[in-house]
């Protein structure tokens, strides 16, 4: 058996990039324009690659994997920690590029927050241990369960949290000895290319590669015989296509797909005390989050007070261009998403729902800005409730008894997250246990932690990310028996 050559780690300290140098490193003057969704201005240009370019990247990743997998775990851990240092050193230019390309503001739980989460997840992944386990030792049989690299991991990410979710996909795969080929969203390629360039200032060559491109590149990656595992975050429809295209190679999959998260407010709450938590559960990243609160069920005893409190919070939140420091809400990232939100709010208005705040975008303003919108007196079967809006519009449905609220929350075919809000934590937990969702939060919504497993049920996908379970998901178990 040939012992793979182990490439020595990079020992030079990269220069701290500026915004201009970071952008120059990922911009191709002959590539496609990437526009700022707040202004319509050109941020940069990206050369979309072909499926044949993807083939070449996978071949390089396969060639690099044996050496990377042969490294001691402590070496890979150290490189992830150094990668976190590199991200922190480039944090401000990364955040500026993210804000310009994705639209999210610098402040609040947005661009700077996202870049900080990249570094935090790299460090947490490096610190997580996955030791072997003795499963039987009875004097006659000794059996150990260990975890080996899968090989090459393909990662396809979304446009809403492009940097952070890329790190969620990449960090555990690298830690377990895999090499990774990333296909960024067509809408936010610059952010991911810049992040990968920063990570690659530390990592060995071909361990991590990003290949920007269209749907043809994503399809080639999901069905590629040289890719052993695919990690995808995005829509249910695309996830279903990935399942079909991966079938011939029996590729392992982790899929975090669409959600339409429900929240249930119990009658014992203080409406003003929970209003801001409810708001950010729904409107973080201007509502463009898979596990955001997207439909809220409120008991009739507190319905009017909760609606009024949420409307007051929404009115106070500044929205505008992300580079303006005072803003905490930004535009929709693209025209298609803007039109979905507008259509769904209009459907609610046409059906007689009450728009408490928002719902009146300026058609002449630049960018894809849709105001923070609170919709009351809406039926549960209205399209704004039944479909995932993925934007800054929250429908609030009245209920009279908890059983009906649970039934409404569970009636859809998705189940990523949910939440229950109440003063009696044990009563809230009892309701939470009845909800069909991968995660149910109590008195908050959407918070994630690098050590707490995260994943959906029903058509929101399958497989877990984060912590020990996340490491297992990008490895293959092997039993040594004897």
Protein backbone atom coordinates (compact mmCIF):
# COMPACT_ATOMS: atom_id res chain seq x y z
CA UNK A 1 0.00 0.00 0.00
CA UNK A 2 1.41 3.37 -1.01
CA UNK A 3 1.67 5.92 1.78
CA UNK A 4 0.28 9.28 0.62
CA UNK A 5 2.58 12.25 0.60
CA UNK A 6 1.69 14.77 3.27
CA UNK A 7 2.05 18.36 2.12
CA UNK A 8 3.49 20.66 4.75
CA UNK A 9 1.10 23.33 6.01
CA UNK A 10 1.45 26.90 4.85
CA UNK A 11 3.67 28.76 7.31
CA UNK A 12 3.61 32.29 5.90
CA UNK A 13 1.31 34.87 7.43
CA UNK A 14 -0.93 36.36 4.73
CA UNK A 15 -1.26 40.11 4.48
CA UNK A 16 -4.48 41.54 5.86
CA UNK A 17 -6.64 42.27 2.82
CA UNK A 18 -8.43 45.49 2.09
CA UNK A 19 -11.85 45.61 0.47
CA UNK A 20 -10.21 46.56 -2.82
CA UNK A 21 -7.66 43.75 -2.72
CA UNK A 22 -10.27 41.20 -1.65
CA UNK A 23 -12.60 42.18 -4.47
CA UNK A 24 -9.76 42.26 -7.02
CA UNK A 25 -8.83 38.71 -6.07
CA UNK A 26 -12.24 37.32 -7.01
CA UNK A 27 -13.29 39.64 -9.86
CA UNK A 28 -12.91 38.75 -13.51
CA UNK A 29 -13.25 41.81 -15.80
CA UNK A 30 -14.82 39.64 -18.49
CA UNK A 31 -17.27 37.92 -16.16
CA UNK A 32 -20.93 38.46 -15.39
CA UNK A 33 -22.01 41.54 -13.47
CA UNK A 34 -22.99 41.13 -9.83
CA UNK A 35 -25.29 43.96 -8.72
CA UNK A 36 -25.88 45.56 -5.34
CA UNK A 37 -29.56 44.79 -4.54
CA UNK A 38 -29.85 48.08 -2.63
CA UNK A 39 -28.71 50.35 -5.45
CA UNK A 40 -28.40 48.39 -8.68
CA UNK A 41 -24.72 49.35 -8.89
CA UNK A 42 -22.14 46.84 -10.13
CA UNK A 43 -20.24 45.28 -7.24
CA UNK A 44 -17.93 43.11 -9.37
CA UNK A 45 -17.84 40.52 -12.09
CA UNK A 46 -17.58 36.74 -11.83
CA UNK A 47 -16.62 34.30 -14.56
CA UNK A 48 -19.09 31.43 -14.42
CA UNK A 49 -17.38 28.11 -14.96
CA UNK A 50 -18.48 25.17 -17.07
CA UNK A 51 -19.33 21.61 -16.02
CA UNK A 52 -15.94 20.62 -17.44
CA UNK A 53 -14.27 23.09 -15.07
CA UNK A 54 -16.18 21.43 -12.26
CA UNK A 55 -14.86 18.05 -13.39
CA UNK A 56 -11.30 19.36 -13.19
CA UNK A 57 -11.88 20.76 -9.70
CA UNK A 58 -13.27 17.43 -8.48
CA UNK A 59 -10.26 15.63 -9.97
CA UNK A 60 -7.88 17.93 -8.10
CA UNK A 61 -9.84 17.45 -4.89
CA UNK A 62 -9.67 13.66 -5.26
CA UNK A 63 -5.92 13.84 -5.82
CA UNK A 64 -5.44 16.02 -2.73
CA UNK A 65 -7.71 14.04 -0.39
CA UNK A 66 -5.41 11.12 0.57
CA UNK A 67 -2.72 13.47 1.87
CA UNK A 68 -5.23 15.64 3.67
CA UNK A 69 -6.96 12.65 5.23
CA UNK A 70 -3.59 11.22 6.30
CA UNK A 71 -2.76 14.25 8.42
CA UNK A 72 -3.09 13.93 12.15
CA UNK A 73 -6.36 15.27 13.47
CA UNK A 74 -4.39 17.82 15.49
CA UNK A 75 -2.91 19.24 12.28
CA UNK A 76 -6.28 19.70 10.64
CA UNK A 77 -7.61 21.23 13.86
CA UNK A 78 -4.72 23.69 13.95
CA UNK A 79 -5.34 24.70 10.35
CA UNK A 80 -9.01 25.35 11.06
CA UNK A 81 -8.01 27.57 13.97
CA UNK A 82 -5.59 29.43 11.73
CA UNK A 83 -8.33 29.77 9.13
CA UNK A 84 -10.52 31.39 11.81
CA UNK A 85 -7.69 33.83 12.52
CA UNK A 86 -7.51 34.66 8.81
CA UNK A 87 -11.26 35.31 8.66
CA UNK A 88 -11.06 37.60 11.67
CA UNK A 89 -8.16 39.49 10.12
CA UNK A 90 -10.24 40.06 6.97
CA UNK A 91 -13.52 40.59 8.81
CA UNK A 92 -14.27 44.17 7.80
CA UNK A 93 -13.61 43.82 4.05
CA UNK A 94 -15.50 40.52 4.04
CA UNK A 95 -18.46 42.19 5.74
CA UNK A 96 -18.41 45.10 3.30
CA UNK A 97 -18.37 42.79 0.31
CA UNK A 98 -21.18 40.72 1.82
CA UNK A 99 -23.26 43.83 2.46
CA UNK A 100 -22.77 45.14 -1.06
CA UNK A 101 -23.52 41.83 -2.77
CA UNK A 102 -26.22 40.30 -0.55
CA UNK A 103 -27.75 43.58 0.63
CA UNK A 104 -27.76 42.91 4.37
CA UNK A 105 -26.69 45.80 6.62
CA UNK A 106 -23.33 45.83 8.33
CA UNK A 107 -24.90 46.12 11.77
CA UNK A 108 -27.51 44.18 13.70
CA UNK A 109 -27.65 40.40 13.15
CA UNK A 110 -26.35 40.88 9.62
CA UNK A 111 -23.02 41.19 7.76
CA UNK A 112 -20.54 41.69 10.60
CA UNK A 113 -22.49 39.15 12.62
CA UNK A 114 -22.27 36.64 9.75
CA UNK A 115 -18.51 37.01 9.32
CA UNK A 116 -18.05 36.65 13.07
CA UNK A 117 -20.13 33.47 12.95
CA UNK A 118 -17.76 32.07 10.30
CA UNK A 119 -14.81 32.40 12.65
CA UNK A 120 -16.81 31.10 15.62
CA UNK A 121 -17.97 27.99 13.73
CA UNK A 122 -14.44 27.24 12.52
CA UNK A 123 -13.19 27.36 16.10
CA UNK A 124 -16.08 25.31 17.47
CA UNK A 125 -15.61 22.66 14.79
CA UNK A 126 -11.93 22.48 15.58
CA UNK A 127 -12.73 21.98 19.27
CA UNK A 128 -15.33 19.23 18.78
CA UNK A 129 -14.06 15.72 19.40
CA UNK A 130 -15.28 12.53 17.75
CA UNK A 131 -13.33 9.69 19.34
CA UNK A 132 -13.69 6.03 18.49
CA UNK A 133 -16.10 4.01 20.58
CA UNK A 134 -15.87 0.49 21.92
CA UNK A 135 -19.32 -0.98 21.26
CA UNK A 136 -18.65 -4.49 22.57
CA UNK A 137 -15.91 -6.01 24.66
CA UNK A 138 -17.17 -9.19 26.31
CA UNK A 139 -13.92 -11.13 26.55
CA UNK A 140 -14.47 -12.89 23.24
CA UNK A 141 -15.27 -10.04 20.87
CA UNK A 142 -13.81 -6.56 20.78
CA UNK A 143 -15.62 -4.21 18.39
CA UNK A 144 -14.77 -0.55 17.86
CA UNK A 145 -16.74 2.04 15.91
CA UNK A 146 -14.57 4.61 14.17
CA UNK A 147 -15.15 7.35 11.62
CA UNK A 148 -13.23 7.78 8.38
CA UNK A 149 -13.32 10.53 5.75
CA UNK A 150 -16.01 10.16 3.12
CA UNK A 151 -13.61 11.43 0.43
CA UNK A 152 -14.71 14.43 -1.64
CA UNK A 153 -17.61 16.51 -0.33
CA UNK A 154 -19.64 18.74 -2.63
CA UNK A 155 -21.23 21.80 -1.02
CA UNK A 156 -24.00 23.83 -2.65
CA UNK A 157 -24.99 26.93 -0.72
CA UNK A 158 -27.71 29.59 -0.76
CA UNK A 159 -27.69 33.36 -1.24
CA UNK A 160 -29.22 34.39 2.09
CA UNK A 161 -26.30 33.57 4.44
CA UNK A 162 -23.67 32.74 1.81
CA UNK A 163 -20.53 32.94 3.95
CA UNK A 164 -21.85 31.47 7.17
CA UNK A 165 -23.59 28.51 5.58
CA UNK A 166 -20.51 27.79 3.46
CA UNK A 167 -18.50 27.50 6.67
CA UNK A 168 -21.20 25.28 8.18
CA UNK A 169 -20.75 22.96 5.21
CA UNK A 170 -16.99 23.20 4.80
CA UNK A 171 -15.56 23.23 8.33
CA UNK A 172 -16.76 19.78 9.52
CA UNK A 173 -15.90 18.20 6.16
CA UNK A 174 -12.34 19.48 6.34
CA UNK A 175 -12.01 18.54 10.00
CA UNK A 176 -12.90 14.92 9.18
CA UNK A 177 -10.26 14.68 6.44
CA UNK A 178 -12.37 15.31 3.36
CA UNK A 179 -11.61 17.71 0.56
CA UNK A 180 -14.41 20.04 -0.52
CA UNK A 181 -15.70 21.53 -3.77
CA UNK A 182 -18.07 24.45 -3.23
CA UNK A 183 -20.64 25.70 -5.71
CA UNK A 184 -21.87 29.16 -4.60
CA UNK A 185 -25.28 30.58 -5.38
CA UNK A 186 -25.44 32.45 -8.68
CA UNK A 187 -26.69 35.47 -6.74
CA UNK A 188 -23.83 35.77 -4.22
CA UNK A 189 -20.69 34.25 -5.76
CA UNK A 190 -18.31 37.07 -4.81
CA UNK A 191 -18.85 36.61 -1.07
CA UNK A 192 -18.15 32.88 -1.17
CA UNK A 193 -15.18 33.22 -3.52
CA UNK A 194 -13.66 35.83 -1.22
CA UNK A 195 -14.24 33.69 1.86
CA UNK A 196 -12.66 30.66 0.18
CA UNK A 197 -9.69 32.76 -0.88
CA UNK A 198 -9.17 33.84 2.74
CA UNK A 199 -9.43 30.24 3.96
CA UNK A 200 -7.03 29.10 1.25
CA UNK A 201 -4.40 31.55 2.49
CA UNK A 202 -3.96 28.93 5.23
CA UNK A 203 -5.08 25.61 3.74
CA UNK A 204 -3.01 23.40 1.39
CA UNK A 205 -3.72 23.56 -2.33
CA UNK A 206 -6.86 21.86 -3.69
CA UNK A 207 -8.23 20.93 -0.27
CA UNK A 208 -10.96 23.56 -0.73
CA UNK A 209 -12.10 24.80 -4.14
CA UNK A 210 -14.97 27.06 -5.19
CA UNK A 211 -16.47 26.76 -8.67
CA UNK A 212 -18.96 29.53 -9.51
CA UNK A 213 -21.54 28.70 -12.13
CA UNK A 214 -25.16 28.20 -13.03
CA UNK A 215 -27.54 25.33 -12.60
CA UNK A 216 -25.57 23.15 -14.99
CA UNK A 217 -22.58 23.26 -12.64
CA UNK A 218 -24.75 22.44 -9.63
CA UNK A 219 -26.34 19.54 -11.48
CA UNK A 220 -22.94 18.15 -12.46
CA UNK A 221 -21.74 18.37 -8.86
CA UNK A 222 -24.80 16.64 -7.40
CA UNK A 223 -24.53 13.71 -9.81
CA UNK A 224 -20.73 13.54 -10.06
CA UNK A 225 -19.23 10.09 -9.64
CA UNK A 226 -16.15 11.65 -8.07
CA UNK A 227 -18.14 13.27 -5.25
CA UNK A 228 -18.87 11.01 -2.29
CA UNK A 229 -21.10 13.25 -0.19
CA UNK A 230 -23.24 16.29 -0.98
CA UNK A 231 -24.32 18.97 1.49
CA UNK A 232 -27.04 21.31 0.27
CA UNK A 233 -28.96 24.23 1.73
CA UNK A 234 -31.76 25.66 -0.38
CA UNK A 235 -35.25 25.10 -1.68
CA UNK A 236 -37.20 21.86 -1.39
CA UNK A 237 -37.62 21.71 -5.17
CA UNK A 238 -33.88 21.88 -5.75
CA UNK A 239 -33.31 19.36 -2.98
CA UNK A 240 -35.66 16.94 -4.68
CA UNK A 241 -33.74 17.37 -7.94
CA UNK A 242 -30.49 16.66 -6.08
CA UNK A 243 -31.93 13.47 -4.60
CA UNK A 244 -32.83 12.26 -8.08
CA UNK A 245 -29.51 13.19 -9.67
CA UNK A 246 -27.50 11.61 -6.84
CA UNK A 247 -29.29 8.27 -7.01
CA UNK A 248 -27.06 6.57 -9.58
CA UNK A 249 -23.95 7.12 -7.43
CA UNK A 250 -25.79 6.37 -4.14
CA UNK A 251 -24.30 9.59 -2.86
CA UNK A 252 -24.65 10.43 0.82
CA UNK A 253 -26.73 13.58 1.33
CA UNK A 254 -27.36 16.19 3.98
CA UNK A 255 -30.24 18.43 2.90
CA UNK A 256 -31.44 21.54 4.72
CA UNK A 257 -34.44 22.57 2.63
CA UNK A 258 -37.29 25.04 2.72
CA UNK A 259 -39.17 25.85 5.88
CA UNK A 260 -42.34 27.71 6.80
CA UNK A 261 -41.76 27.93 10.52
CA UNK A 262 -44.72 28.36 12.84
CA UNK A 263 -44.76 30.14 16.17
CA UNK A 264 -47.47 29.68 18.81
CA UNK A 265 -48.09 32.42 21.38
CA UNK A 266 -49.86 31.13 24.49
CA UNK A 267 -52.37 33.29 26.38
CA UNK A 268 -50.16 33.87 29.46
CA UNK A 269 -47.52 36.05 27.73
CA UNK A 270 -46.66 39.69 28.27
CA UNK A 271 -47.05 40.96 24.68
CA UNK A 272 -44.66 43.87 25.04
CA UNK A 273 -42.00 41.69 26.65
CA UNK A 274 -41.92 39.21 23.76
CA UNK A 275 -42.47 41.62 20.86
CA UNK A 276 -38.83 42.27 19.98
CA UNK A 277 -37.95 38.58 20.23
CA UNK A 278 -40.84 37.75 17.93
CA UNK A 279 -39.77 40.46 15.51
CA UNK A 280 -36.21 39.23 15.15
CA UNK A 281 -37.35 35.64 14.97
CA UNK A 282 -39.28 36.64 11.86
CA UNK A 283 -37.26 39.50 10.38
CA UNK A 284 -33.62 38.52 10.90
CA UNK A 285 -31.82 39.05 7.59
CA UNK A 286 -34.95 40.89 6.45
CA UNK A 287 -36.88 37.62 6.70
CA UNK A 288 -34.55 35.80 4.31
CA UNK A 289 -33.71 32.88 6.59
CA UNK A 290 -34.79 29.26 6.23
CA UNK A 291 -35.57 28.91 9.92
CA UNK A 292 -37.18 32.33 10.36
CA UNK A 293 -40.60 32.64 11.99
CA UNK A 294 -42.92 32.83 8.98
CA UNK A 295 -46.43 32.35 10.41
CA UNK A 296 -47.51 33.30 13.91
CA UNK A 297 -50.49 31.82 15.78
CA UNK A 298 -51.65 34.00 18.69
CA UNK A 299 -54.33 33.19 21.27
CA UNK A 300 -57.37 35.42 21.04
CA UNK A 301 -56.90 36.67 24.64
CA UNK A 302 -53.66 38.47 23.70
CA UNK A 303 -54.09 38.75 19.94
CA UNK A 304 -54.70 42.48 19.62
CA UNK A 305 -51.95 43.36 22.09
CA UNK A 306 -49.36 41.14 20.36
CA UNK A 307 -50.28 42.57 16.96
CA UNK A 308 -49.97 46.15 18.22
CA UNK A 309 -46.65 45.49 19.97
CA UNK A 310 -45.15 43.83 16.88
CA UNK A 311 -46.30 46.67 14.66
CA UNK A 312 -44.63 49.19 16.97
CA UNK A 313 -41.34 47.29 16.84
CA UNK A 314 -41.51 47.01 13.05
CA UNK A 315 -42.09 50.76 12.64
CA UNK A 316 -38.97 51.52 14.69
CA UNK A 317 -36.53 49.37 12.72
CA UNK A 318 -34.50 51.38 10.17
CA UNK A 319 -34.29 49.90 6.68
CA UNK A 320 -31.94 51.03 3.93
CA UNK A 321 -28.62 50.50 2.23
CA UNK A 322 -26.47 48.10 4.21
CA UNK A 323 -23.36 50.29 4.24
CA UNK A 324 -25.23 52.99 6.17
CA UNK A 325 -24.36 52.18 9.76
CA UNK A 326 -27.77 52.97 11.27
CA UNK A 327 -29.73 50.42 9.22
CA UNK A 328 -30.63 46.96 10.50
CA UNK A 329 -32.95 45.85 7.67
CA UNK A 330 -31.95 45.75 4.00
CA UNK A 331 -33.42 44.91 0.62
CA UNK A 332 -34.55 41.58 -0.71
CA UNK A 333 -31.52 40.07 -2.39
CA UNK A 334 -33.06 39.70 -5.85
CA UNK A 335 -36.03 40.75 -7.95
CA UNK A 336 -37.58 37.28 -8.01
CA UNK A 337 -37.77 37.16 -4.20
CA UNK A 338 -39.16 40.70 -4.06
CA UNK A 339 -41.97 39.71 -6.41
CA UNK A 340 -42.82 36.63 -4.30
CA UNK A 341 -43.18 38.75 -1.16
CA UNK A 342 -45.23 41.41 -2.97
CA UNK A 343 -47.54 38.78 -4.48
CA UNK A 344 -48.20 37.10 -1.16
CA UNK A 345 -48.88 40.34 0.73
CA UNK A 346 -51.23 41.44 -2.04
CA UNK A 347 -53.04 38.08 -1.80
CA UNK A 348 -53.61 38.65 1.91
CA UNK A 349 -54.81 42.22 1.35
CA UNK A 350 -57.17 41.13 -1.41
CA UNK A 351 -58.67 38.51 0.89
CA UNK A 352 -59.51 41.13 3.52
CA UNK A 353 -56.53 40.83 5.85
CA UNK A 354 -55.45 43.94 7.73
CA UNK A 355 -52.01 45.42 6.97
CA UNK A 356 -50.93 46.87 10.33
CA UNK A 357 -47.64 48.29 9.05
CA UNK A 358 -45.79 48.13 5.74
CA UNK A 359 -47.17 46.59 2.57
CA UNK A 360 -46.60 49.74 0.54
CA UNK A 361 -43.21 49.61 -1.24
CA UNK A 362 -42.11 52.66 -3.23
CA UNK A 363 -42.19 51.52 -6.88
CA UNK A 364 -39.78 54.29 -7.92
CA UNK A 365 -37.12 53.68 -5.28
CA UNK A 366 -33.88 51.96 -6.28
CA UNK A 367 -33.19 48.47 -5.05
CA UNK A 368 -35.45 45.64 -3.92
CA UNK A 369 -36.73 47.19 -0.72
CA UNK A 370 -39.97 45.84 0.70
CA UNK A 371 -40.97 47.41 4.04
CA UNK A 372 -41.30 45.37 7.20
CA UNK A 373 -44.92 44.23 7.03
CA UNK A 374 -47.22 42.89 9.76
CA UNK A 375 -50.48 41.32 8.53
CA UNK A 376 -53.37 40.61 10.93
CA UNK A 377 -56.79 39.00 10.60
CA UNK A 378 -55.54 36.56 7.97
CA UNK A 379 -56.92 33.07 7.41
CA UNK A 380 -54.70 30.06 7.86
CA UNK A 381 -55.24 28.91 4.28
CA UNK A 382 -54.24 32.28 2.79
CA UNK A 383 -51.20 32.00 0.48
CA UNK A 384 -49.18 34.32 2.75
CA UNK A 385 -49.55 31.71 5.50
CA UNK A 386 -49.46 28.52 3.44
CA UNK A 387 -46.47 29.43 1.24
CA UNK A 388 -42.97 30.36 2.37
CA UNK A 389 -42.62 34.10 1.80
CA UNK A 390 -38.89 34.29 2.66
CA UNK A 391 -39.04 38.00 3.21
CA UNK A 392 -40.12 40.81 5.55
CA UNK A 393 -43.82 40.00 5.91
CA UNK A 394 -45.32 38.21 8.91
CA UNK A 395 -48.93 36.91 8.95
CA UNK A 396 -50.59 36.62 12.36
CA UNK A 397 -53.41 34.09 12.72
CA UNK A 398 -55.86 34.12 15.65
CA UNK A 399 -56.66 30.88 17.51
CA UNK A 400 -59.00 29.99 20.38
CA UNK A 401 -57.55 26.74 21.77
CA UNK A 402 -54.10 25.17 21.76
CA UNK A 403 -55.22 22.04 19.93
CA UNK A 404 -56.28 24.09 16.91
CA UNK A 405 -53.00 26.05 16.98
CA UNK A 406 -50.98 22.84 17.00
CA UNK A 407 -53.07 21.41 14.17
CA UNK A 408 -52.52 24.54 12.05
CA UNK A 409 -48.81 24.60 12.81
CA UNK A 410 -48.44 20.94 11.79
CA UNK A 411 -50.63 20.93 8.70
CA UNK A 412 -47.94 21.87 6.16
CA UNK A 413 -45.51 19.41 4.58
CA UNK A 414 -42.40 21.18 5.92
CA UNK A 415 -40.88 21.12 9.39
CA UNK A 416 -37.58 22.92 9.84
CA UNK A 417 -38.20 24.91 12.99
CA UNK A 418 -41.00 26.17 15.25
CA UNK A 419 -41.39 28.06 18.50
CA UNK A 420 -43.68 28.35 21.50
CA UNK A 421 -44.00 31.53 23.56
CA UNK A 422 -45.36 31.48 27.10
CA UNK A 423 -44.66 32.46 30.71
CA UNK A 424 -45.02 28.88 31.96
CA UNK A 425 -41.95 27.17 30.50
CA UNK A 426 -43.16 23.65 31.26
CA UNK A 427 -46.51 24.30 29.59
CA UNK A 428 -44.64 25.71 26.58
CA UNK A 429 -42.44 22.62 26.45
CA UNK A 430 -45.52 20.40 26.45
CA UNK A 431 -46.84 22.23 23.40
CA UNK A 432 -43.40 22.13 21.76
CA UNK A 433 -43.30 18.34 22.04
CA UNK A 434 -46.42 18.16 19.85
CA UNK A 435 -44.95 20.19 16.97
CA UNK A 436 -43.57 18.47 13.87
CA UNK A 437 -40.29 20.32 13.44
CA UNK A 438 -36.59 19.52 13.68
CA UNK A 439 -36.04 22.23 16.30
CA UNK A 440 -38.59 23.90 18.56
CA UNK A 441 -37.47 26.97 20.48
CA UNK A 442 -39.07 28.25 23.68
CA UNK A 443 -39.50 32.04 23.89
CA UNK A 444 -37.12 32.63 20.99
CA UNK A 445 -36.91 31.58 17.37
CA UNK A 446 -34.14 30.64 14.98
CA UNK A 447 -31.09 30.73 17.23
CA UNK A 448 -28.42 28.16 16.36
CA UNK A 449 -25.35 27.01 18.25
CA UNK A 450 -22.34 25.13 16.87
CA UNK A 451 -22.77 22.33 19.42
CA UNK A 452 -26.54 21.84 19.04
CA UNK A 453 -27.59 19.56 16.15
CA UNK A 454 -29.78 21.21 13.53
CA UNK A 455 -31.89 19.72 10.75
CA UNK A 456 -35.42 19.41 9.43
CA UNK A 457 -38.20 16.86 9.11
CA UNK A 458 -40.79 16.21 6.41
CA UNK A 459 -39.93 18.13 3.22
CA UNK A 460 -37.51 20.39 5.09
CA UNK A 461 -34.80 17.80 4.47
CA UNK A 462 -32.84 15.22 6.37
CA UNK A 463 -29.50 14.84 8.08
CA UNK A 464 -28.00 16.85 10.92
CA UNK A 465 -25.41 19.60 11.05
CA UNK A 466 -23.32 21.04 13.92
CA UNK A 467 -21.51 19.46 16.82
CA UNK A 468 -20.65 15.78 17.00
CA UNK A 469 -23.59 14.84 14.79
CA UNK A 470 -22.33 17.24 12.14
CA UNK A 471 -18.92 15.55 12.13
CA UNK A 472 -20.54 12.14 11.80
CA UNK A 473 -22.56 13.40 8.84
CA UNK A 474 -19.42 14.02 6.78
CA UNK A 475 -17.73 10.76 7.70
CA UNK A 476 -18.32 7.07 7.13
CA UNK A 477 -18.55 4.71 10.09
CA UNK A 478 -16.28 1.70 10.16
CA UNK A 479 -16.46 -1.16 12.66
CA UNK A 480 -13.22 -2.95 13.55
CA UNK A 481 -14.32 -6.32 14.88
CA UNK A 482 -11.77 -8.69 16.32
